[in-house]
Protein backbone atom coordinates (compact mmCIF):
# COMPACT_ATOMS: atom_id res chain seq x y z
CA UNK A 1 60.45 96.87 104.02
CA UNK A 2 61.20 97.25 100.30
CA UNK A 3 63.65 95.42 98.86
CA UNK A 4 64.73 96.65 94.97
CA UNK A 5 66.34 93.89 93.06
CA UNK A 6 67.92 94.76 89.33
CA UNK A 7 70.08 92.52 87.03
CA UNK A 8 72.56 93.44 85.42
CA UNK A 9 74.54 91.39 82.81
CA UNK A 10 77.75 90.68 83.64
CA UNK A 11 79.67 92.20 80.60
CA UNK A 12 78.49 95.53 81.55
CA UNK A 13 79.18 95.37 85.21
CA UNK A 14 82.76 94.13 84.90
CA UNK A 15 83.37 96.78 81.93
CA UNK A 16 84.21 100.18 83.70
CA UNK A 17 85.10 98.49 87.04
CA UNK A 18 87.34 96.96 88.53
CA UNK A 19 87.15 93.18 90.11
CA UNK A 20 87.61 92.45 93.57
CA UNK A 21 90.80 91.68 92.95
CA UNK A 22 91.65 95.28 91.99
CA UNK A 23 89.90 96.48 95.13
CA UNK A 24 91.39 94.00 97.56
CA UNK A 25 94.61 95.45 96.17
CA UNK A 26 93.69 99.46 96.40
CA UNK A 27 92.87 98.01 100.16
CA UNK A 28 95.97 96.44 100.82
CA UNK A 29 97.98 99.89 99.77
CA UNK A 30 95.97 102.12 102.23
CA UNK A 31 95.34 99.99 105.20
CA UNK A 32 99.10 100.54 106.51
CA UNK A 33 98.47 104.50 106.38
CA UNK A 34 95.15 104.21 107.67
CA UNK A 35 95.81 102.16 110.66
CA UNK A 36 98.82 104.71 111.43
CA UNK A 37 96.43 107.86 111.24
CA UNK A 38 94.03 105.94 113.51
CA UNK A 39 96.60 105.14 115.84
CA UNK A 40 97.81 108.88 115.82
CA UNK A 41 94.30 109.95 116.56
CA UNK A 42 93.75 107.38 119.07
CA UNK A 43 97.14 108.21 121.00
CA UNK A 44 95.90 112.07 121.01
CA UNK A 45 92.77 111.47 121.96
CA UNK A 46 94.39 110.13 125.17
CA UNK A 47 96.67 113.49 125.85
CA UNK A 48 95.22 116.06 128.25
CA UNK A 49 94.89 119.27 127.11
CA UNK A 50 98.24 120.50 128.32
CA UNK A 51 99.58 117.99 126.55
CA UNK A 52 98.16 118.58 123.37
CA UNK A 53 99.55 122.52 124.37
CA UNK A 54 102.79 121.31 124.49
CA UNK A 55 102.26 119.33 121.04
CA UNK A 56 101.30 122.64 120.13
CA UNK A 57 97.52 121.73 119.25
CA UNK A 58 94.00 121.78 120.32
CA UNK A 59 91.43 118.78 120.92
CA UNK A 60 89.43 120.10 118.31
CA UNK A 61 92.20 120.35 115.66
CA UNK A 62 93.15 116.53 116.45
CA UNK A 63 91.09 115.30 113.23
CA UNK A 64 92.56 118.12 111.04
CA UNK A 65 96.21 117.29 112.47
CA UNK A 66 95.79 113.80 111.68
CA UNK A 67 93.23 112.84 108.98
CA UNK A 68 93.22 116.89 107.21
CA UNK A 69 95.62 116.54 104.53
CA UNK A 70 94.54 112.86 103.52
CA UNK A 71 91.06 114.51 103.26
CA UNK A 72 91.77 117.32 101.65
CA UNK A 73 90.41 119.83 103.97
């Protein structure tokens, strides 16, 4: 097992990157959307192919339907 250690001055590290509080705020903003998408994804996965067809979906289109716009695909 290899290990690489670097020493970065704190001023250089903090200059252009957000601090932990900003990263936490960013995560908190996105969490509700992620949770809703995740729940929708699980709900659709639990459906039969016939149920998906009634929704106008196929099993291979579930990920695109739920996450496509957000992921830019």
